[in-house]
Amino acid sequence: ELAPHKIVACGVARTFQNIRLFNNLTVLDNVKIAL
């Protein structure tokens, strides 16, 4: 019954079968986005 961003806020995170990174950003910025 919740939107995806609300589900994340409930404590659910995932990785993907096909890697989905922000390839044009740095490794550090990829993690900072999650914060």
Full PDB file with SEQRES, HELIX, SHEET, SSBOND, CRYST1, ORIGX, SCALE, CONECT and MASTER records, all heavy atoms in Angstrom:
SEQRES   1 A   35  GLU LEU ALA PRO HIS LYS ILE VAL ALA CYS GLY VAL ALA          
SEQRES   2 A   35  ARG THR PHE GLN ASN ILE ARG LEU PHE ASN ASN LEU THR          
SEQRES   3 A   35  VAL LEU ASP ASN VAL LYS ILE ALA LEU                          
HELIX    1 AA1 PRO A    4  ALA A    9  1                                   6    
HELIX    2 AA2 VAL A   27  ALA A   34  1                                   8    
CRYST1    1.000    1.000    1.000  90.00  90.00  90.00 P 1           1          
ORIGX1      1.000000  0.000000  0.000000        0.00000                         
ORIGX2      0.000000  1.000000  0.000000        0.00000                         
ORIGX3      0.000000  0.000000  1.000000        0.00000                         
SCALE1      1.000000  0.000000  0.000000        0.00000                         
SCALE2      0.000000  1.000000  0.000000        0.00000                         
SCALE3      0.000000  0.000000  1.000000        0.00000                         
ATOM      1  N   GLU A   1       0.822  -1.214   0.000  1.00  0.00           N  
ATOM      2  CA  GLU A   1       0.000   0.000   0.000  1.00  0.00           C  
ATOM      3  C   GLU A   1       0.858   1.267   0.000  1.00  0.00           C  
ATOM      4  O   GLU A   1       0.322   2.374  -0.021  1.00  0.00           O  
ATOM      5  CB  GLU A   1      -0.931   0.014   1.213  1.00  0.00           C  
ATOM      6  CG  GLU A   1      -1.966  -1.111   1.218  1.00  0.00           C  
ATOM      7  CD  GLU A   1      -2.855  -1.064   2.443  1.00  0.00           C  
ATOM      8  OE1 GLU A   1      -2.683  -0.146   3.270  1.00  0.00           O  
ATOM      9  OE2 GLU A   1      -3.719  -1.954   2.579  1.00  0.00           O  
ATOM     10  N   LEU A   2       2.180   1.097   0.014  1.00  0.00           N  
ATOM     11  CA  LEU A   2       3.086   2.235   0.127  1.00  0.00           C  
ATOM     12  C   LEU A   2       3.825   2.480  -1.186  1.00  0.00           C  
ATOM     13  O   LEU A   2       4.062   1.561  -1.969  1.00  0.00           O  
ATOM     14  CB  LEU A   2       4.108   1.987   1.245  1.00  0.00           C  
ATOM     15  CG  LEU A   2       3.547   1.706   2.639  1.00  0.00           C  
ATOM     16  CD1 LEU A   2       4.698   1.410   3.603  1.00  0.00           C  
ATOM     17  CD2 LEU A   2       2.710   2.870   3.145  1.00  0.00           C  
ATOM     18  N   ALA A   3       4.223   3.731  -1.384  1.00  0.00           N  
ATOM     19  CA  ALA A   3       5.060   4.082  -2.532  1.00  0.00           C  
ATOM     20  C   ALA A   3       6.478   3.565  -2.307  1.00  0.00           C  
ATOM     21  O   ALA A   3       6.899   3.360  -1.167  1.00  0.00           O  
ATOM     22  CB  ALA A   3       5.081   5.600  -2.711  1.00  0.00           C  
ATOM     23  N   PRO A   4       7.242   3.320  -3.388  1.00  0.00           N  
ATOM     24  CA  PRO A   4       8.595   2.770  -3.234  1.00  0.00           C  
ATOM     25  C   PRO A   4       9.481   3.540  -2.262  1.00  0.00           C  
ATOM     26  O   PRO A   4      10.201   2.934  -1.464  1.00  0.00           O  
ATOM     27  CB  PRO A   4       9.149   2.818  -4.666  1.00  0.00           C  
ATOM     28  CG  PRO A   4       7.937   2.639  -5.526  1.00  0.00           C  
ATOM     29  CD  PRO A   4       6.847   3.394  -4.815  1.00  0.00           C  
ATOM     30  N   HIS A   5       9.454   4.889  -2.288  1.00  0.00           N  
ATOM     31  CA  HIS A   5      10.324   5.645  -1.386  1.00  0.00           C  
ATOM     32  C   HIS A   5       9.896   5.491   0.067  1.00  0.00           C  
ATOM     33  O   HIS A   5      10.724   5.551   0.980  1.00  0.00           O  
ATOM     34  CB  HIS A   5      10.371   7.119  -1.787  1.00  0.00           C  
ATOM     35  CG  HIS A   5       9.118   7.889  -1.525  1.00  0.00           C  
ATOM     36  ND1 HIS A   5       8.012   7.816  -2.340  1.00  0.00           N  
ATOM     37  CD2 HIS A   5       8.796   8.763  -0.533  1.00  0.00           C  
ATOM     38  CE1 HIS A   5       7.065   8.601  -1.871  1.00  0.00           C  
ATOM     39  NE2 HIS A   5       7.506   9.185  -0.768  1.00  0.00           N  
ATOM     40  N   LYS A   6       8.618   5.253   0.302  1.00  0.00           N  
ATOM     41  CA  LYS A   6       8.140   4.998   1.658  1.00  0.00           C  
ATOM     42  C   LYS A   6       8.596   3.620   2.146  1.00  0.00           C  
ATOM     43  O   LYS A   6       8.889   3.431   3.331  1.00  0.00           O  
ATOM     44  CB  LYS A   6       6.619   5.092   1.708  1.00  0.00           C  
ATOM     45  CG  LYS A   6       6.061   6.477   1.427  1.00  0.00           C  
ATOM     46  CD  LYS A   6       6.358   7.436   2.566  1.00  0.00           C  
ATOM     47  CE  LYS A   6       5.665   8.764   2.368  1.00  0.00           C  
ATOM     48  NZ  LYS A   6       5.971   9.731   3.461  1.00  0.00           N  
ATOM     49  N   ILE A   7       8.660   2.671   1.230  1.00  0.00           N  
ATOM     50  CA  ILE A   7       9.126   1.324   1.574  1.00  0.00           C  
ATOM     51  C   ILE A   7      10.598   1.370   1.965  1.00  0.00           C  
ATOM     52  O   ILE A   7      11.028   0.721   2.928  1.00  0.00           O  
ATOM     53  CB  ILE A   7       8.876   0.357   0.398  1.00  0.00           C  
ATOM     54  CG1 ILE A   7       7.367   0.189   0.168  1.00  0.00           C  
ATOM     55  CG2 ILE A   7       9.534  -1.002   0.653  1.00  0.00           C  
ATOM     56  CD1 ILE A   7       7.004  -0.601  -1.063  1.00  0.00           C  
ATOM     57  N   VAL A   8      11.386   2.163   1.239  1.00  0.00           N  
ATOM     58  CA  VAL A   8      12.797   2.345   1.602  1.00  0.00           C  
ATOM     59  C   VAL A   8      12.898   2.933   3.005  1.00  0.00           C  
ATOM     60  O   VAL A   8      13.715   2.505   3.823  1.00  0.00           O  
ATOM     61  CB  VAL A   8      13.500   3.262   0.582  1.00  0.00           C  
ATOM     62  CG1 VAL A   8      14.900   3.623   1.071  1.00  0.00           C  
ATOM     63  CG2 VAL A   8      13.587   2.580  -0.776  1.00  0.00           C  
ATOM     64  N   ALA A   9      12.044   3.914   3.296  1.00  0.00           N  
ATOM     65  CA  ALA A   9      12.060   4.554   4.611  1.00  0.00           C  
ATOM     66  C   ALA A   9      11.678   3.580   5.723  1.00  0.00           C  
ATOM     67  O   ALA A   9      12.064   3.778   6.882  1.00  0.00           O  
ATOM     68  CB  ALA A   9      11.115   5.757   4.619  1.00  0.00           C  
ATOM     69  N   CYS A  10      10.940   2.532   5.379  1.00  0.00           N  
ATOM     70  CA  CYS A  10      10.579   1.500   6.362  1.00  0.00           C  
ATOM     71  C   CYS A  10      11.736   0.548   6.648  1.00  0.00           C  
ATOM     72  O   CYS A  10      11.645  -0.273   7.572  1.00  0.00           O  
ATOM     73  CB  CYS A  10       9.366   0.711   5.870  1.00  0.00           C  
ATOM     74  SG  CYS A  10       7.817   1.625   5.865  1.00  0.00           S  
ATOM     75  N   GLY A  11      12.798   0.629   5.842  1.00  0.00           N  
ATOM     76  CA  GLY A  11      13.972  -0.200   6.094  1.00  0.00           C  
ATOM     77  C   GLY A  11      14.200  -1.317   5.106  1.00  0.00           C  
ATOM     78  O   GLY A  11      14.752  -2.362   5.449  1.00  0.00           O  
ATOM     79  N   VAL A  12      13.795  -1.115   3.861  1.00  0.00           N  
ATOM     80  CA  VAL A  12      13.992  -2.126   2.816  1.00  0.00           C  
ATOM     81  C   VAL A  12      14.920  -1.553   1.749  1.00  0.00           C  
ATOM     82  O   VAL A  12      14.675  -0.470   1.215  1.00  0.00           O  
ATOM     83  CB  VAL A  12      12.657  -2.539   2.165  1.00  0.00           C  
ATOM     84  CG1 VAL A  12      12.891  -3.582   1.072  1.00  0.00           C  
ATOM     85  CG2 VAL A  12      11.688  -3.089   3.220  1.00  0.00           C  
ATOM     86  N   ALA A  13      15.991  -2.262   1.432  1.00  0.00           N  
ATOM     87  CA  ALA A  13      16.920  -1.840   0.381  1.00  0.00           C  
ATOM     88  C   ALA A  13      17.243  -3.039  -0.494  1.00  0.00           C  
ATOM     89  O   ALA A  13      17.115  -4.193  -0.065  1.00  0.00           O  
ATOM     90  CB  ALA A  13      18.197  -1.254   0.980  1.00  0.00           C  
ATOM     91  N   ARG A  14      17.685  -2.767  -1.708  1.00  0.00           N  
ATOM     92  CA  ARG A  14      17.956  -3.863  -2.648  1.00  0.00           C  
ATOM     93  C   ARG A  14      19.128  -3.543  -3.563  1.00  0.00           C  
ATOM     94  O   ARG A  14      19.523  -2.382  -3.719  1.00  0.00           O  
ATOM     95  CB  ARG A  14      16.718  -4.136  -3.509  1.00  0.00           C  
ATOM     96  CG  ARG A  14      16.448  -3.037  -4.532  1.00  0.00           C  
ATOM     97  CD  ARG A  14      15.304  -3.369  -5.472  1.00  0.00           C  
ATOM     98  NE  ARG A  14      15.596  -4.512  -6.327  1.00  0.00           N  
ATOM     99  CZ  ARG A  14      14.749  -4.994  -7.244  1.00  0.00           C  
ATOM    100  NH1 ARG A  14      13.565  -4.433  -7.404  1.00  0.00           N  
ATOM    101  NH2 ARG A  14      15.081  -6.013  -7.998  1.00  0.00           N  
ATOM    102  N   THR A  15      19.659  -4.595  -4.148  1.00  0.00           N  
ATOM    103  CA  THR A  15      20.543  -4.457  -5.294  1.00  0.00           C  
ATOM    104  C   THR A  15      19.814  -5.068  -6.488  1.00  0.00           C  
ATOM    105  O   THR A  15      18.747  -5.659  -6.339  1.00  0.00           O  
ATOM    106  CB  THR A  15      21.882  -5.189  -5.074  1.00  0.00           C  
ATOM    107  OG1 THR A  15      21.638  -6.601  -4.960  1.00  0.00           O  
ATOM    108  CG2 THR A  15      22.570  -4.682  -3.821  1.00  0.00           C  
ATOM    109  N   PHE A  16      20.404  -4.931  -7.668  1.00  0.00           N  
ATOM    110  CA  PHE A  16      19.707  -5.328  -8.886  1.00  0.00           C  
ATOM    111  C   PHE A  16      20.491  -6.403  -9.638  1.00  0.00           C  
ATOM    112  O   PHE A  16      21.715  -6.481  -9.563  1.00  0.00           O  
ATOM    113  CB  PHE A  16      19.478  -4.127  -9.798  1.00  0.00           C  
ATOM    114  CG  PHE A  16      18.511  -3.124  -9.238  1.00  0.00           C  
ATOM    115  CD1 PHE A  16      18.950  -2.114  -8.390  1.00  0.00           C  
ATOM    116  CD2 PHE A  16      17.168  -3.201  -9.536  1.00  0.00           C  
ATOM    117  CE1 PHE A  16      18.065  -1.187  -7.868  1.00  0.00           C  
ATOM    118  CE2 PHE A  16      16.263  -2.283  -9.015  1.00  0.00           C  
ATOM    119  CZ  PHE A  16      16.710  -1.277  -8.181  1.00  0.00           C  
ATOM    120  N   GLN A  17      19.736  -7.206 -10.384  1.00  0.00           N  
ATOM    121  CA  GLN A  17      20.352  -8.247 -11.203  1.00  0.00           C  
ATOM    122  C   GLN A  17      21.318  -7.623 -12.209  1.00  0.00           C  
ATOM    123  O   GLN A  17      22.423  -8.118 -12.412  1.00  0.00           O  
ATOM    124  CB  GLN A  17      19.242  -9.028 -11.923  1.00  0.00           C  
ATOM    125  CG  GLN A  17      19.725 -10.235 -12.704  1.00  0.00           C  
ATOM    126  CD  GLN A  17      18.567 -11.032 -13.264  1.00  0.00           C  
ATOM    127  OE1 GLN A  17      17.416 -10.840 -12.885  1.00  0.00           O  
ATOM    128  NE2 GLN A  17      18.858 -11.924 -14.171  1.00  0.00           N  
ATOM    129  N   ASN A  18      20.895  -6.543 -12.838  1.00  0.00           N  
ATOM    130  CA  ASN A  18      21.763  -5.758 -13.710  1.00  0.00           C  
ATOM    131  C   ASN A  18      22.186  -4.513 -12.929  1.00  0.00           C  
ATOM    132  O   ASN A  18      21.334  -3.723 -12.517  1.00  0.00           O  
ATOM    133  CB  ASN A  18      21.016  -5.347 -14.985  1.00  0.00           C  
ATOM    134  CG  ASN A  18      20.567  -6.556 -15.790  1.00  0.00           C  
ATOM    135  OD1 ASN A  18      21.342  -7.469 -16.021  1.00  0.00           O  
ATOM    136  ND2 ASN A  18      19.309  -6.568 -16.189  1.00  0.00           N  
ATOM    137  N   ILE A  19      23.479  -4.376 -12.719  1.00  0.00           N  
ATOM    138  CA  ILE A  19      23.996  -3.317 -11.842  1.00  0.00           C  
ATOM    139  C   ILE A  19      23.475  -1.952 -12.284  1.00  0.00           C  
ATOM    140  O   ILE A  19      23.532  -1.597 -13.459  1.00  0.00           O  
ATOM    141  CB  ILE A  19      25.531  -3.316 -11.852  1.00  0.00           C  
ATOM    142  CG1 ILE A  19      26.065  -4.654 -11.343  1.00  0.00           C  
ATOM    143  CG2 ILE A  19      26.078  -2.187 -10.992  1.00  0.00           C  
ATOM    144  CD1 ILE A  19      27.561  -4.793 -11.451  1.00  0.00           C  
ATOM    145  N   ARG A  20      22.974  -1.185 -11.318  1.00  0.00           N  
ATOM    146  CA  ARG A  20      22.425   0.141 -11.617  1.00  0.00           C  
ATOM    147  C   ARG A  20      23.127   1.182 -10.759  1.00  0.00           C  
ATOM    148  O   ARG A  20      22.653   1.558  -9.698  1.00  0.00           O  
ATOM    149  CB  ARG A  20      20.912   0.156 -11.369  1.00  0.00           C  
ATOM    150  CG  ARG A  20      20.157  -0.826 -12.250  1.00  0.00           C  
ATOM    151  CD  ARG A  20      18.667  -0.718 -12.075  1.00  0.00           C  
ATOM    152  NE  ARG A  20      17.972  -1.728 -12.844  1.00  0.00           N  
ATOM    153  CZ  ARG A  20      16.650  -1.851 -12.904  1.00  0.00           C  
ATOM    154  NH1 ARG A  20      15.891  -1.012 -12.230  1.00  0.00           N  
ATOM    155  NH2 ARG A  20      16.094  -2.808 -13.617  1.00  0.00           N  
ATOM    156  N   LEU A  21      24.264   1.616 -11.241  1.00  0.00           N  
ATOM    157  CA  LEU A  21      25.015   2.673 -10.577  1.00  0.00           C  
ATOM    158  C   LEU A  21      24.865   3.974 -11.356  1.00  0.00           C  
ATOM    159  O   LEU A  21      24.457   3.979 -12.517  1.00  0.00           O  
ATOM    160  CB  LEU A  21      26.497   2.298 -10.493  1.00  0.00           C  
ATOM    161  CG  LEU A  21      26.840   1.043  -9.700  1.00  0.00           C  
ATOM    162  CD1 LEU A  21      28.324   0.727  -9.834  1.00  0.00           C  
ATOM    163  CD2 LEU A  21      26.458   1.203  -8.235  1.00  0.00           C  
ATOM    164  N   PHE A  22      25.210   5.081 -10.696  1.00  0.00           N  
ATOM    165  CA  PHE A  22      25.318   6.354 -11.390  1.00  0.00           C  
ATOM    166  C   PHE A  22      26.733   6.418 -11.955  1.00  0.00           C  
ATOM    167  O   PHE A  22      27.667   6.893 -11.305  1.00  0.00           O  
ATOM    168  CB  PHE A  22      25.035   7.512 -10.429  1.00  0.00           C  
ATOM    169  CG  PHE A  22      23.651   7.487  -9.850  1.00  0.00           C  
ATOM    170  CD1 PHE A  22      23.436   7.039  -8.554  1.00  0.00           C  
ATOM    171  CD2 PHE A  22      22.563   7.890 -10.613  1.00  0.00           C  
ATOM    172  CE1 PHE A  22      22.161   7.006  -8.017  1.00  0.00           C  
ATOM    173  CE2 PHE A  22      21.277   7.856 -10.083  1.00  0.00           C  
ATOM    174  CZ  PHE A  22      21.078   7.417  -8.790  1.00  0.00           C  
ATOM    175  N   ASN A  23      26.881   5.914 -13.179  1.00  0.00           N  
ATOM    176  CA  ASN A  23      28.211   5.659 -13.725  1.00  0.00           C  
ATOM    177  C   ASN A  23      29.040   6.913 -13.936  1.00  0.00           C  
ATOM    178  O   ASN A  23      30.268   6.858 -13.927  1.00  0.00           O  
ATOM    179  CB  ASN A  23      28.094   4.885 -15.040  1.00  0.00           C  
ATOM    180  CG  ASN A  23      27.769   3.423 -14.815  1.00  0.00           C  
ATOM    181  OD1 ASN A  23      28.298   2.798 -13.900  1.00  0.00           O  
ATOM    182  ND2 ASN A  23      26.881   2.875 -15.636  1.00  0.00           N  
ATOM    183  N   ASN A  24      28.400   8.055 -14.145  1.00  0.00           N  
ATOM    184  CA  ASN A  24      29.146   9.289 -14.395  1.00  0.00           C  
ATOM    185  C   ASN A  24      29.555   9.992 -13.108  1.00  0.00           C  
ATOM    186  O   ASN A  24      30.263  11.003 -13.154  1.00  0.00           O  
ATOM    187  CB  ASN A  24      28.319  10.236 -15.274  1.00  0.00           C  
ATOM    188  CG  ASN A  24      28.185   9.719 -16.694  1.00  0.00           C  
ATOM    189  OD1 ASN A  24      29.104   9.097 -17.219  1.00  0.00           O  
ATOM    190  ND2 ASN A  24      27.044   9.957 -17.311  1.00  0.00           N  
ATOM    191  N   LEU A  25      29.101   9.479 -11.972  1.00  0.00           N  
ATOM    192  CA  LEU A  25      29.481  10.047 -10.682  1.00  0.00           C  
ATOM    193  C   LEU A  25      30.614   9.227 -10.076  1.00  0.00           C  
ATOM    194  O   LEU A  25      30.891   8.105 -10.505  1.00  0.00           O  
ATOM    195  CB  LEU A  25      28.278  10.060  -9.734  1.00  0.00           C  
ATOM    196  CG  LEU A  25      27.073  10.893 -10.161  1.00  0.00           C  
ATOM    197  CD1 LEU A  25      25.985  10.808  -9.094  1.00  0.00           C  
ATOM    198  CD2 LEU A  25      27.462  12.344 -10.414  1.00  0.00           C  
ATOM    199  N   THR A  26      31.254   9.789  -9.066  1.00  0.00           N  
ATOM    200  CA  THR A  26      32.320   9.059  -8.395  1.00  0.00           C  
ATOM    201  C   THR A  26      31.746   7.947  -7.531  1.00  0.00           C  
ATOM    202  O   THR A  26      30.537   7.919  -7.220  1.00  0.00           O  
ATOM    203  CB  THR A  26      33.154   9.986  -7.499  1.00  0.00           C  
ATOM    204  OG1 THR A  26      32.330  10.455  -6.417  1.00  0.00           O  
ATOM    205  CG2 THR A  26      33.714  11.153  -8.286  1.00  0.00           C  
ATOM    206  N   VAL A  27      32.618   7.052  -7.138  1.00  0.00           N  
ATOM    207  CA  VAL A  27      32.239   5.981  -6.217  1.00  0.00           C  
ATOM    208  C   VAL A  27      31.682   6.589  -4.930  1.00  0.00           C  
ATOM    209  O   VAL A  27      30.645   6.148  -4.415  1.00  0.00           O  
ATOM    210  CB  VAL A  27      33.463   5.089  -5.929  1.00  0.00           C  
ATOM    211  CG1 VAL A  27      33.193   4.120  -4.789  1.00  0.00           C  
ATOM    212  CG2 VAL A  27      33.877   4.338  -7.201  1.00  0.00           C  
ATOM    213  N   LEU A  28      32.364   7.613  -4.423  1.00  0.00           N  
ATOM    214  CA  LEU A  28      31.921   8.267  -3.197  1.00  0.00           C  
ATOM    215  C   LEU A  28      30.543   8.894  -3.361  1.00  0.00           C  
ATOM    216  O   LEU A  28      29.673   8.747  -2.499  1.00  0.00           O  
ATOM    217  CB  LEU A  28      32.937   9.337  -2.786  1.00  0.00           C  
ATOM    218  CG  LEU A  28      32.609  10.170  -1.538  1.00  0.00           C  
ATOM    219  CD1 LEU A  28      32.491   9.296  -0.307  1.00  0.00           C  
ATOM    220  CD2 LEU A  28      33.677  11.241  -1.335  1.00  0.00           C  
ATOM    221  N   ASP A  29      30.319   9.585  -4.468  1.00  0.00           N  
ATOM    222  CA  ASP A  29      29.038  10.257  -4.672  1.00  0.00           C  
ATOM    223  C   ASP A  29      27.892   9.256  -4.808  1.00  0.00           C  
ATOM    224  O   ASP A  29      26.754   9.561  -4.434  1.00  0.00           O  
ATOM    225  CB  ASP A  29      29.095  11.148  -5.916  1.00  0.00           C  
ATOM    226  CG  ASP A  29      29.850  12.439  -5.662  1.00  0.00           C  
ATOM    227  OD1 ASP A  29      29.998  12.810  -4.482  1.00  0.00           O  
ATOM    228  OD2 ASP A  29      30.319  13.057  -6.646  1.00  0.00           O  
ATOM    229  N   ASN A  30      28.163   8.072  -5.337  1.00  0.00           N  
ATOM    230  CA  ASN A  30      27.132   7.050  -5.421  1.00  0.00           C  
ATOM    231  C   ASN A  30      26.596   6.684  -4.039  1.00  0.00           C  
ATOM    232  O   ASN A  30      25.402   6.447  -3.879  1.00  0.00           O  
ATOM    233  CB  ASN A  30      27.662   5.799  -6.124  1.00  0.00           C  
ATOM    234  CG  ASN A  30      27.376   5.783  -7.602  1.00  0.00           C  
ATOM    235  OD1 ASN A  30      26.377   5.255  -8.056  1.00  0.00           O  
ATOM    236  ND2 ASN A  30      28.282   6.382  -8.371  1.00  0.00           N  
ATOM    237  N   VAL A  31      27.477   6.650  -3.059  1.00  0.00           N  
ATOM    238  CA  VAL A  31      27.045   6.326  -1.700  1.00  0.00           C  
ATOM    239  C   VAL A  31      26.429   7.547  -1.029  1.00  0.00           C  
ATOM    240  O   VAL A  31      25.433   7.426  -0.295  1.00  0.00           O  
ATOM    241  CB  VAL A  31      28.220   5.779  -0.868  1.00  0.00           C  
ATOM    242  CG1 VAL A  31      27.772   5.456   0.555  1.00  0.00           C  
ATOM    243  CG2 VAL A  31      28.791   4.520  -1.530  1.00  0.00           C  
ATOM    244  N   LYS A  32      26.985   8.725  -1.284  1.00  0.00           N  
ATOM    245  CA  LYS A  32      26.441   9.944  -0.671  1.00  0.00           C  
ATOM    246  C   LYS A  32      24.988  10.178  -1.093  1.00  0.00           C  
ATOM    247  O   LYS A  32      24.181  10.686  -0.299  1.00  0.00           O  
ATOM    248  CB  LYS A  32      27.298  11.148  -1.053  1.00  0.00           C  
ATOM    249  CG  LYS A  32      28.641  11.197  -0.332  1.00  0.00           C  
ATOM    250  CD  LYS A  32      29.572  12.238  -0.908  1.00  0.00           C  
ATOM    251  CE  LYS A  32      29.063  13.649  -0.710  1.00  0.00           C  
ATOM    252  NZ  LYS A  32      30.046  14.649  -1.215  1.00  0.00           N  
ATOM    253  N   ILE A  33      24.644   9.803  -2.306  1.00  0.00           N  
ATOM    254  CA  ILE A  33      23.262   9.963  -2.765  1.00  0.00           C  
ATOM    255  C   ILE A  33      22.301   9.185  -1.877  1.00  0.00           C  
ATOM    256  O   ILE A  33      21.193   9.643  -1.572  1.00  0.00           O  
ATOM    257  CB  ILE A  33      23.141   9.522  -4.237  1.00  0.00           C  
ATOM    258  CG1 ILE A  33      23.735  10.590  -5.144  1.00  0.00           C  
ATOM    259  CG2 ILE A  33      21.692   9.238  -4.623  1.00  0.00           C  
ATOM    260  CD1 ILE A  33      23.790  10.210  -6.607  1.00  0.00           C  
ATOM    261  N   ALA A  34      22.725   7.996  -1.446  1.00  0.00           N  
ATOM    262  CA  ALA A  34      21.872   7.188  -0.579  1.00  0.00           C  
ATOM    263  C   ALA A  34      21.716   7.803   0.808  1.00  0.00           C  
ATOM    264  O   ALA A  34      20.811   7.425   1.558  1.00  0.00           O  
ATOM    265  CB  ALA A  34      22.435   5.776  -0.466  1.00  0.00           C  
ATOM    266  N   LEU A  35      22.576   8.751   1.141  1.00  0.00           N  
ATOM    267  CA  LEU A  35      22.533   9.412   2.453  1.00  0.00           C  
ATOM    268  C   LEU A  35      21.848  10.775   2.371  1.00  0.00           C  
ATOM    269  O   LEU A  35      22.062  11.638   3.221  1.00  0.00           O  
ATOM    270  CB  LEU A  35      23.962   9.591   2.981  1.00  0.00           C  
ATOM    271  CG  LEU A  35      24.731   8.300   3.264  1.00  0.00           C  
ATOM    272  CD1 LEU A  35      26.214   8.594   3.464  1.00  0.00           C  
ATOM    273  CD2 LEU A  35      24.170   7.584   4.480  1.00  0.00           C  
TER     274      LEU A  35                                                      
MASTER        0    0    0    2    0    0    0    6  273    1    0    3          
END                                                                             
